[in-house]
Amino acid sequence: MNDYAPYSYSPGQPATPRQAAIMQALGGQRRRTSFSPYFSRVKFESTRSATPFIYTVAANLESRAFGYQLGGDMAAGGYIVTTRTATKCDTNIITAGRTIGGQAVEISGISVQVLSSSAAELVTVLWPELSVVLSLNGGENAFLLGTPAMLPGSSGLYGAARNSIGEQAIAGGRPNEGYITNGLPGLHNQAAIPEGLIWYPEGEQDSTLNIIFRSERAAATHNDGIKNDEAAAAGIRGYTFPTAAQAFVEILVRLHGAVVGPRSRVA
């Protein structure tokens, strides 16, 4: 595979002088890898039926990675019922859909990571029902990326550990807590984009980017007939099932690649 070449821009559109300069810089000595990779978190919230409890993510919900900025409301990312203001744990862009500080970002790979805050059973039923689209210029240029199963995670929690705050088993002893993951920690896994894809600075063609997750069908947990709150009694440990607000799926999107931008004046 060539090293970040050839470069791509909008089909049928000749490169502007600025885009040509960016592409030359990306291929030359000015190209550098960002120490702060571009990332954005999205969420799919659920509803809960009457007993027996069934948790459902409705059809036709959209959550947009890079659709909000640091300090902004995360509704575009799917945080609707439980609102949230974006922090440095959620994204590192300062303007929704735009690169940082006039950078051009050549995307060579994409990772989609399930976060450990997610309800594991909900992840398993939602995963095959989500579509993923990389959108440039408000959808004028759209790249169908398939489902999240086609976009591996680059890291994540793995294995199991003793849970010091978990429910005590009737027979005694401490429970273990397993971690759901869709990648191998340390592998730096990603879905490669062999020819590269450039996210340009504001004011240029292809300067607004979102990665859109959409629930194409409703996804519901299995109706086993036994998901009911249970009161404590002799020989029985009580249990209260999570509310709908506590059962959700969170995903972190990370872009891999090289960036070029104005040199910092910091020595």
C-alpha atoms as a PDB file:
ATOM      1  CA  MET A   1       0.000   0.000   0.000  1.00  0.00           C
ATOM      2  CA  ASN A   2       1.320   3.477  -0.830  1.00  0.00           C
ATOM      3  CA  ASP A   3       2.219   5.757   2.077  1.00  0.00           C
ATOM      4  CA  TYR A   4      -0.873   7.973   2.293  1.00  0.00           C
ATOM      5  CA  ALA A   5      -1.222   8.284  -1.484  1.00  0.00           C
ATOM      6  CA  PRO A   6      -2.992   9.013  -3.748  1.00  0.00           C
ATOM      7  CA  TYR A   7      -4.985  11.700  -1.975  1.00  0.00           C
ATOM      8  CA  SER A   8      -8.729  12.080  -2.365  1.00  0.00           C
ATOM      9  CA  TYR A   9     -11.079  15.035  -2.561  1.00  0.00           C
ATOM     10  CA  SER A  10     -14.614  15.571  -3.827  1.00  0.00           C
ATOM     11  CA  PRO A  11     -15.267  13.581  -7.022  1.00  0.00           C
ATOM     12  CA  GLY A  12     -15.341  15.799 -10.090  1.00  0.00           C
ATOM     13  CA  GLN A  13     -13.929  18.792  -8.203  1.00  0.00           C
ATOM     14  CA  PRO A  14     -10.403  19.994  -9.065  1.00  0.00           C
ATOM     15  CA  ALA A  15      -8.185  20.697  -6.075  1.00  0.00           C
ATOM     16  CA  THR A  16      -7.996  24.345  -5.059  1.00  0.00           C
ATOM     17  CA  PRO A  17      -4.512  25.881  -4.653  1.00  0.00           C
ATOM     18  CA  ARG A  18      -4.882  25.540  -0.889  1.00  0.00           C
ATOM     19  CA  GLN A  19      -5.915  21.882  -1.151  1.00  0.00           C
ATOM     20  CA  ALA A  20      -2.984  21.210  -3.478  1.00  0.00           C
ATOM     21  CA  ALA A  21      -0.634  22.772  -0.936  1.00  0.00           C
ATOM     22  CA  ILE A  22      -2.154  20.665   1.835  1.00  0.00           C
ATOM     23  CA  MET A  23      -1.727  17.474  -0.172  1.00  0.00           C
ATOM     24  CA  GLN A  24       1.869  18.377  -0.957  1.00  0.00           C
ATOM     25  CA  ALA A  25       2.555  19.053   2.708  1.00  0.00           C
ATOM     26  CA  LEU A  26       0.951  15.774   3.751  1.00  0.00           C
ATOM     27  CA  GLY A  27       3.252  13.935   1.357  1.00  0.00           C
ATOM     28  CA  GLY A  28       6.368  15.867   2.329  1.00  0.00           C
ATOM     29  CA  GLN A  29       8.410  16.848   5.345  1.00  0.00           C
ATOM     30  CA  ARG A  30       5.654  18.980   6.921  1.00  0.00           C
ATOM     31  CA  ARG A  31       3.436  15.928   7.456  1.00  0.00           C
ATOM     32  CA  ARG A  32       3.279  14.981  11.104  1.00  0.00           C
ATOM     33  CA  THR A  33       1.169  12.650  13.201  1.00  0.00           C
ATOM     34  CA  SER A  34      -1.133  14.260  15.721  1.00  0.00           C
ATOM     35  CA  PHE A  35      -0.309  13.480  19.346  1.00  0.00           C
ATOM     36  CA  SER A  36      -3.983  14.161  20.112  1.00  0.00           C
ATOM     37  CA  PRO A  37      -6.043  11.864  17.845  1.00  0.00           C
ATOM     38  CA  TYR A  38      -9.523  12.945  16.831  1.00  0.00           C
ATOM     39  CA  PHE A  39     -12.251  11.175  18.818  1.00  0.00           C
ATOM     40  CA  SER A  40     -15.935  11.525  19.670  1.00  0.00           C
ATOM     41  CA  ARG A  41     -18.425   9.624  21.823  1.00  0.00           C
ATOM     42  CA  VAL A  42     -22.008   8.698  20.914  1.00  0.00           C
ATOM     43  CA  LYS A  43     -24.866   7.020  22.760  1.00  0.00           C
ATOM     44  CA  PHE A  44     -28.024   5.022  22.089  1.00  0.00           C
ATOM     45  CA  GLU A  45     -30.629   5.272  24.840  1.00  0.00           C
ATOM     46  CA  SER A  46     -33.289   2.662  25.525  1.00  0.00           C
ATOM     47  CA  THR A  47     -36.842   2.373  26.740  1.00  0.00           C
ATOM     48  CA  ARG A  48     -38.079  -0.259  29.208  1.00  0.00           C
ATOM     49  CA  SER A  49     -41.381  -2.119  28.972  1.00  0.00           C
ATOM     50  CA  ALA A  50     -43.622  -3.123  31.839  1.00  0.00           C
ATOM     51  CA  THR A  51     -42.741  -6.436  33.489  1.00  0.00           C
ATOM     52  CA  PRO A  52     -41.205  -8.649  32.382  1.00  0.00           C
ATOM     53  CA  PHE A  53     -38.718  -5.948  31.502  1.00  0.00           C
ATOM     54  CA  ILE A  54     -37.622  -5.637  27.875  1.00  0.00           C
ATOM     55  CA  TYR A  55     -35.099  -2.943  26.965  1.00  0.00           C
ATOM     56  CA  THR A  56     -35.442  -1.542  23.441  1.00  0.00           C
ATOM     57  CA  VAL A  57     -33.457   0.880  21.290  1.00  0.00           C
ATOM     58  CA  ALA A  58     -35.995   2.309  18.849  1.00  0.00           C
ATOM     59  CA  ALA A  59     -35.588   2.222  15.078  1.00  0.00           C
ATOM     60  CA  ASN A  60     -34.401   5.289  13.126  1.00  0.00           C
ATOM     61  CA  LEU A  61     -32.360   6.893  15.893  1.00  0.00           C
ATOM     62  CA  GLU A  62     -29.251   8.776  14.760  1.00  0.00           C
ATOM     63  CA  SER A  63     -26.180   9.612  16.801  1.00  0.00           C
ATOM     64  CA  ARG A  64     -23.452  11.733  15.197  1.00  0.00           C
ATOM     65  CA  ALA A  65     -19.822  11.459  16.182  1.00  0.00           C
ATOM     66  CA  PHE A  66     -18.103  14.856  15.795  1.00  0.00           C
ATOM     67  CA  GLY A  67     -21.565  16.446  15.808  1.00  0.00           C
ATOM     68  CA  TYR A  68     -20.828  18.488  18.957  1.00  0.00           C
ATOM     69  CA  GLN A  69     -17.828  20.260  20.467  1.00  0.00           C
ATOM     70  CA  LEU A  70     -16.028  20.598  23.790  1.00  0.00           C
ATOM     71  CA  GLY A  71     -18.262  22.420  26.257  1.00  0.00           C
ATOM     72  CA  GLY A  72     -21.314  21.945  24.043  1.00  0.00           C
ATOM     73  CA  ASP A  73     -24.524  19.989  24.450  1.00  0.00           C
ATOM     74  CA  MET A  74     -24.159  16.373  23.267  1.00  0.00           C
ATOM     75  CA  ALA A  75     -27.706  15.928  21.927  1.00  0.00           C
ATOM     76  CA  ALA A  76     -26.351  15.380  18.389  1.00  0.00           C
ATOM     77  CA  GLY A  77     -24.394  12.449  19.816  1.00  0.00           C
ATOM     78  CA  GLY A  78     -27.565  10.778  21.124  1.00  0.00           C
ATOM     79  CA  TYR A  79     -27.623  12.185  24.674  1.00  0.00           C
ATOM     80  CA  ILE A  80     -31.289  13.148  24.669  1.00  0.00           C
ATOM     81  CA  VAL A  81     -33.108  11.824  27.748  1.00  0.00           C
ATOM     82  CA  THR A  82     -29.982  12.129  29.893  1.00  0.00           C
ATOM     83  CA  THR A  83     -28.378  15.375  28.750  1.00  0.00           C
ATOM     84  CA  ARG A  84     -24.646  15.900  28.918  1.00  0.00           C
ATOM     85  CA  THR A  85     -22.090  18.643  28.304  1.00  0.00           C
ATOM     86  CA  ALA A  86     -19.019  17.497  26.380  1.00  0.00           C
ATOM     87  CA  THR A  87     -15.745  17.211  28.297  1.00  0.00           C
ATOM     88  CA  LYS A  88     -12.267  16.049  27.270  1.00  0.00           C
ATOM     89  CA  CYS A  89     -13.501  12.478  27.850  1.00  0.00           C
ATOM     90  CA  ASP A  90     -16.044  12.889  25.041  1.00  0.00           C
ATOM     91  CA  THR A  91     -14.267  14.701  22.194  1.00  0.00           C
ATOM     92  CA  ASN A  92     -11.335  16.963  21.459  1.00  0.00           C
ATOM     93  CA  ILE A  93     -12.810  19.153  18.696  1.00  0.00           C
ATOM     94  CA  ILE A  94     -13.688  22.742  19.533  1.00  0.00           C
ATOM     95  CA  THR A  95     -16.179  23.348  16.683  1.00  0.00           C
ATOM     96  CA  ALA A  96     -18.753  20.715  15.706  1.00  0.00           C
ATOM     97  CA  GLY A  97     -17.818  18.927  12.504  1.00  0.00           C
ATOM     98  CA  ARG A  98     -14.574  20.890  12.039  1.00  0.00           C
ATOM     99  CA  THR A  99     -10.889  20.130  12.431  1.00  0.00           C
ATOM    100  CA  ILE A 100      -8.823  21.718  15.191  1.00  0.00           C
ATOM    101  CA  GLY A 101      -6.876  24.912  14.575  1.00  0.00           C
ATOM    102  CA  GLY A 102      -6.975  24.856  10.777  1.00  0.00           C
ATOM    103  CA  GLN A 103      -5.532  21.364  10.491  1.00  0.00           C
ATOM    104  CA  ALA A 104      -6.081  19.073   7.521  1.00  0.00           C
ATOM    105  CA  VAL A 105      -6.546  15.480   8.671  1.00  0.00           C
ATOM    106  CA  GLU A 106      -5.741  12.595   6.366  1.00  0.00           C
ATOM    107  CA  ILE A 107      -7.779   9.698   7.716  1.00  0.00           C
ATOM    108  CA  SER A 108      -6.075   6.349   7.211  1.00  0.00           C
ATOM    109  CA  GLY A 109      -8.241   4.316   9.594  1.00  0.00           C
ATOM    110  CA  ILE A 110     -11.316   4.339  11.842  1.00  0.00           C
ATOM    111  CA  SER A 111     -11.897   2.570  15.154  1.00  0.00           C
ATOM    112  CA  VAL A 112     -15.257   2.046  16.867  1.00  0.00           C
ATOM    113  CA  GLN A 113     -14.940   1.138  20.540  1.00  0.00           C
ATOM    114  CA  VAL A 114     -17.703  -0.163  22.823  1.00  0.00           C
ATOM    115  CA  LEU A 115     -17.385   1.626  26.161  1.00  0.00           C
ATOM    116  CA  SER A 116     -17.576  -0.324  29.410  1.00  0.00           C
ATOM    117  CA  SER A 117     -20.499   1.850  30.579  1.00  0.00           C
ATOM    118  CA  SER A 118     -22.722   0.013  28.051  1.00  0.00           C
ATOM    119  CA  ALA A 119     -25.330  -2.610  28.977  1.00  0.00           C
ATOM    120  CA  ALA A 120     -23.762  -5.779  27.559  1.00  0.00           C
ATOM    121  CA  GLU A 121     -26.972  -7.512  26.473  1.00  0.00           C
ATOM    122  CA  LEU A 122     -28.151  -4.345  24.749  1.00  0.00           C
ATOM    123  CA  VAL A 123     -24.851  -4.165  22.831  1.00  0.00           C
ATOM    124  CA  THR A 124     -25.310  -7.693  21.464  1.00  0.00           C
ATOM    125  CA  VAL A 125     -28.790  -7.004  20.051  1.00  0.00           C
ATOM    126  CA  LEU A 126     -28.059  -3.469  18.799  1.00  0.00           C
ATOM    127  CA  TRP A 127     -24.708  -4.142  17.082  1.00  0.00           C
ATOM    128  CA  PRO A 128     -26.069  -5.843  13.927  1.00  0.00           C
ATOM    129  CA  GLU A 129     -28.870  -3.262  13.548  1.00  0.00           C
ATOM    130  CA  LEU A 130     -26.635  -0.175  13.388  1.00  0.00           C
ATOM    131  CA  SER A 131     -25.451   1.333  10.130  1.00  0.00           C
ATOM    132  CA  VAL A 132     -22.369   3.561   9.998  1.00  0.00           C
ATOM    133  CA  VAL A 133     -21.887   6.346   7.435  1.00  0.00           C
ATOM    134  CA  LEU A 134     -18.977   8.765   7.116  1.00  0.00           C
ATOM    135  CA  SER A 135     -20.514  12.027   5.936  1.00  0.00           C
ATOM    136  CA  LEU A 136     -18.730  15.014   4.410  1.00  0.00           C
ATOM    137  CA  ASN A 137     -20.358  18.344   3.509  1.00  0.00           C
ATOM    138  CA  GLY A 138     -23.671  17.575   5.179  1.00  0.00           C
ATOM    139  CA  GLY A 139     -24.060  14.235   3.424  1.00  0.00           C
ATOM    140  CA  GLU A 140     -23.108  15.458  -0.065  1.00  0.00           C
ATOM    141  CA  ASN A 141     -20.279  12.926   0.054  1.00  0.00           C
ATOM    142  CA  ALA A 142     -21.283   9.824   2.019  1.00  0.00           C
ATOM    143  CA  PHE A 143     -19.235   6.665   2.534  1.00  0.00           C
ATOM    144  CA  LEU A 144     -21.220   3.614   3.668  1.00  0.00           C
ATOM    145  CA  LEU A 145     -19.018   1.820   6.204  1.00  0.00           C
ATOM    146  CA  GLY A 146     -21.388  -1.060   6.988  1.00  0.00           C
ATOM    147  CA  THR A 147     -22.075  -2.013  10.611  1.00  0.00           C
ATOM    148  CA  PRO A 148     -19.908  -1.527  13.714  1.00  0.00           C
ATOM    149  CA  ALA A 149     -18.876  -5.191  13.430  1.00  0.00           C
ATOM    150  CA  MET A 150     -16.851  -4.144  10.374  1.00  0.00           C
ATOM    151  CA  LEU A 151     -15.016  -1.408  12.329  1.00  0.00           C
ATOM    152  CA  PRO A 152     -12.883  -2.905  15.125  1.00  0.00           C
ATOM    153  CA  GLY A 153     -12.001  -1.277  18.420  1.00  0.00           C
ATOM    154  CA  SER A 154      -8.457  -0.021  18.972  1.00  0.00           C
ATOM    155  CA  SER A 155      -8.338  -0.693  22.700  1.00  0.00           C
ATOM    156  CA  GLY A 156     -10.687  -1.253  25.643  1.00  0.00           C
ATOM    157  CA  LEU A 157     -11.080  -3.208  28.851  1.00  0.00           C
ATOM    158  CA  TYR A 158     -10.496  -6.939  28.619  1.00  0.00           C
ATOM    159  CA  GLY A 159     -10.868  -9.977  30.880  1.00  0.00           C
ATOM    160  CA  ALA A 160     -12.329  -9.927  34.382  1.00  0.00           C
ATOM    161  CA  ALA A 161     -11.503  -8.808  37.913  1.00  0.00           C
ATOM    162  CA  ARG A 162     -12.886  -9.120  41.426  1.00  0.00           C
ATOM    163  CA  ASN A 163     -15.736  -6.667  41.955  1.00  0.00           C
ATOM    164  CA  SER A 164     -15.422  -5.198  45.448  1.00  0.00           C
ATOM    165  CA  ILE A 165     -18.749  -3.344  45.233  1.00  0.00           C
ATOM    166  CA  GLY A 166     -20.844  -5.978  43.442  1.00  0.00           C
ATOM    167  CA  GLU A 167     -23.777  -7.985  44.781  1.00  0.00           C
ATOM    168  CA  GLN A 168     -22.724 -10.532  47.404  1.00  0.00           C
ATOM    169  CA  ALA A 169     -23.537 -14.068  46.304  1.00  0.00           C
ATOM    170  CA  ILE A 170     -25.904 -16.069  48.511  1.00  0.00           C
ATOM    171  CA  ALA A 171     -23.149 -18.614  49.091  1.00  0.00           C
ATOM    172  CA  GLY A 172     -20.638 -15.897  49.989  1.00  0.00           C
ATOM    173  CA  GLY A 173     -17.438 -14.780  48.291  1.00  0.00           C
ATOM    174  CA  ARG A 174     -16.885 -11.856  46.003  1.00  0.00           C
ATOM    175  CA  PRO A 175     -18.270 -11.747  42.451  1.00  0.00           C
ATOM    176  CA  ASN A 176     -16.173 -11.236  39.343  1.00  0.00           C
ATOM    177  CA  GLU A 177     -16.868  -8.480  36.852  1.00  0.00           C
ATOM    178  CA  GLY A 178     -16.311  -9.208  33.152  1.00  0.00           C
ATOM    179  CA  TYR A 179     -15.556  -6.512  30.605  1.00  0.00           C
ATOM    180  CA  ILE A 180     -17.189  -6.430  27.193  1.00  0.00           C
ATOM    181  CA  THR A 181     -14.843  -5.382  24.399  1.00  0.00           C
ATOM    182  CA  ASN A 182     -14.736  -5.476  20.624  1.00  0.00           C
ATOM    183  CA  GLY A 183     -10.967  -5.127  20.313  1.00  0.00           C
ATOM    184  CA  LEU A 184      -7.713  -6.346  21.818  1.00  0.00           C
ATOM    185  CA  PRO A 185      -6.070  -3.807  24.151  1.00  0.00           C
ATOM    186  CA  GLY A 186      -2.718  -2.660  22.890  1.00  0.00           C
ATOM    187  CA  LEU A 187      -3.309  -3.872  19.333  1.00  0.00           C
ATOM    188  CA  HIS A 188      -4.189  -0.364  18.051  1.00  0.00           C
ATOM    189  CA  ASN A 189      -6.729  -2.006  15.770  1.00  0.00           C
ATOM    190  CA  GLN A 190      -8.547  -0.064  13.056  1.00  0.00           C
ATOM    191  CA  ALA A 191     -10.422  -0.433   9.792  1.00  0.00           C
ATOM    192  CA  ALA A 192      -7.976   0.812   7.180  1.00  0.00           C
ATOM    193  CA  ILE A 193      -8.802   3.319   4.469  1.00  0.00           C
ATOM    194  CA  PRO A 194      -6.030   2.397   2.009  1.00  0.00           C
ATOM    195  CA  GLU A 195      -6.070   5.474  -0.218  1.00  0.00           C
ATOM    196  CA  GLY A 196      -6.619   8.003   2.532  1.00  0.00           C
ATOM    197  CA  LEU A 197      -9.445  10.477   3.016  1.00  0.00           C
ATOM    198  CA  ILE A 198      -8.775  14.135   3.813  1.00  0.00           C
ATOM    199  CA  TRP A 199     -10.867  16.186   6.225  1.00  0.00           C
ATOM    200  CA  TYR A 200     -10.019  19.741   5.179  1.00  0.00           C
ATOM    201  CA  PRO A 201      -9.926  22.936   7.260  1.00  0.00           C
ATOM    202  CA  GLU A 202     -12.950  25.193   7.489  1.00  0.00           C
ATOM    203  CA  GLY A 203     -13.685  27.075   4.286  1.00  0.00           C
ATOM    204  CA  GLU A 204     -12.592  24.253   1.989  1.00  0.00           C
ATOM    205  CA  GLN A 205     -14.534  21.491   0.256  1.00  0.00           C
ATOM    206  CA  ASP A 206     -14.927  18.432   2.549  1.00  0.00           C
ATOM    207  CA  SER A 207     -14.464  20.521   5.704  1.00  0.00           C
ATOM    208  CA  THR A 208     -17.535  19.294   7.662  1.00  0.00           C
ATOM    209  CA  LEU A 209     -17.356  15.696   8.862  1.00  0.00           C
ATOM    210  CA  ASN A 210     -19.709  13.499  10.879  1.00  0.00           C
ATOM    211  CA  ILE A 211     -19.757   9.762  11.412  1.00  0.00           C
ATOM    212  CA  ILE A 212     -23.423   8.850  11.663  1.00  0.00           C
ATOM    213  CA  PHE A 213     -24.710   5.798  13.518  1.00  0.00           C
ATOM    214  CA  ARG A 214     -28.329   4.909  12.768  1.00  0.00           C
ATOM    215  CA  SER A 215     -30.525   2.192  14.226  1.00  0.00           C
ATOM    216  CA  GLU A 216     -32.019   0.780  11.027  1.00  0.00           C
ATOM    217  CA  ARG A 217     -34.321  -1.536  12.997  1.00  0.00           C
ATOM    218  CA  ALA A 218     -35.472  -1.639  16.600  1.00  0.00           C
ATOM    219  CA  ALA A 219     -33.231  -3.737  18.846  1.00  0.00           C
ATOM    220  CA  ALA A 220     -34.770  -5.356  21.929  1.00  0.00           C
ATOM    221  CA  THR A 221     -33.354  -7.577  24.637  1.00  0.00           C
ATOM    222  CA  HIS A 222     -34.697 -11.116  24.853  1.00  0.00           C
ATOM    223  CA  ASN A 223     -38.081 -11.676  26.476  1.00  0.00           C
ATOM    224  CA  ASP A 224     -37.219 -14.489  28.866  1.00  0.00           C
ATOM    225  CA  GLY A 225     -40.288 -13.831  31.036  1.00  0.00           C
ATOM    226  CA  ILE A 226     -38.251 -13.486  34.223  1.00  0.00           C
ATOM    227  CA  LYS A 227     -36.863  -9.936  34.166  1.00  0.00           C
ATOM    228  CA  ASN A 228     -38.792  -8.674  37.187  1.00  0.00           C
ATOM    229  CA  ASP A 229     -37.677  -6.874  40.329  1.00  0.00           C
ATOM    230  CA  GLU A 230     -37.395  -9.335  43.193  1.00  0.00           C
ATOM    231  CA  ALA A 231     -37.868  -8.579  46.860  1.00  0.00           C
ATOM    232  CA  ALA A 232     -35.422  -9.960  49.382  1.00  0.00           C
ATOM    233  CA  ALA A 233     -36.633 -12.941  51.426  1.00  0.00           C
ATOM    234  CA  ALA A 234     -35.211 -15.867  53.312  1.00  0.00           C
ATOM    235  CA  GLY A 235     -32.589 -17.439  51.038  1.00  0.00           C
ATOM    236  CA  ILE A 236     -33.310 -14.875  48.313  1.00  0.00           C
ATOM    237  CA  ARG A 237     -31.280 -11.803  47.556  1.00  0.00           C
ATOM    238  CA  GLY A 238     -33.430  -8.990  46.242  1.00  0.00           C
ATOM    239  CA  TYR A 239     -32.632  -7.300  42.961  1.00  0.00           C
ATOM    240  CA  THR A 240     -33.926  -4.174  41.222  1.00  0.00           C
ATOM    241  CA  PHE A 241     -33.429  -4.029  37.460  1.00  0.00           C
ATOM    242  CA  PRO A 242     -31.898  -0.913  35.891  1.00  0.00           C
ATOM    243  CA  THR A 243     -34.178   1.865  34.715  1.00  0.00           C
ATOM    244  CA  ALA A 244     -34.242   2.764  31.025  1.00  0.00           C
ATOM    245  CA  ALA A 245     -31.918   5.695  31.751  1.00  0.00           C
ATOM    246  CA  GLN A 246     -29.386   3.248  33.209  1.00  0.00           C
ATOM    247  CA  ALA A 247     -29.445   0.868  30.218  1.00  0.00           C
ATOM    248  CA  PHE A 248     -27.748   2.274  27.114  1.00  0.00           C
ATOM    249  CA  VAL A 249     -24.930   1.713  24.637  1.00  0.00           C
ATOM    250  CA  GLU A 250     -21.997   4.112  24.398  1.00  0.00           C
ATOM    251  CA  ILE A 251     -19.481   4.072  21.556  1.00  0.00           C
ATOM    252  CA  LEU A 252     -16.203   5.950  21.102  1.00  0.00           C
ATOM    253  CA  VAL A 253     -15.076   6.734  17.532  1.00  0.00           C
ATOM    254  CA  ARG A 254     -11.401   7.354  16.878  1.00  0.00           C
ATOM    255  CA  LEU A 255      -9.833   8.568  13.631  1.00  0.00           C
ATOM    256  CA  HIS A 256      -6.306   7.406  12.791  1.00  0.00           C
ATOM    257  CA  GLY A 257      -4.025   9.236  10.394  1.00  0.00           C
ATOM    258  CA  ALA A 258      -1.751  12.198   9.840  1.00  0.00           C
ATOM    259  CA  VAL A 259      -2.409  15.899  10.251  1.00  0.00           C
ATOM    260  CA  VAL A 260      -0.866  19.055   8.841  1.00  0.00           C
ATOM    261  CA  GLY A 261      -1.508  22.522  10.170  1.00  0.00           C
ATOM    262  CA  PRO A 262       0.083  25.790  11.226  1.00  0.00           C
ATOM    263  CA  ARG A 263       3.205  25.174  13.272  1.00  0.00           C
ATOM    264  CA  SER A 264       2.873  25.982  16.962  1.00  0.00           C
ATOM    265  CA  ARG A 265       4.892  28.934  18.198  1.00  0.00           C
ATOM    266  CA  VAL A 266       5.524  27.089  21.443  1.00  0.00           C
ATOM    267  CA  ALA A 267       9.204  26.092  21.514  1.00  0.00           C
END
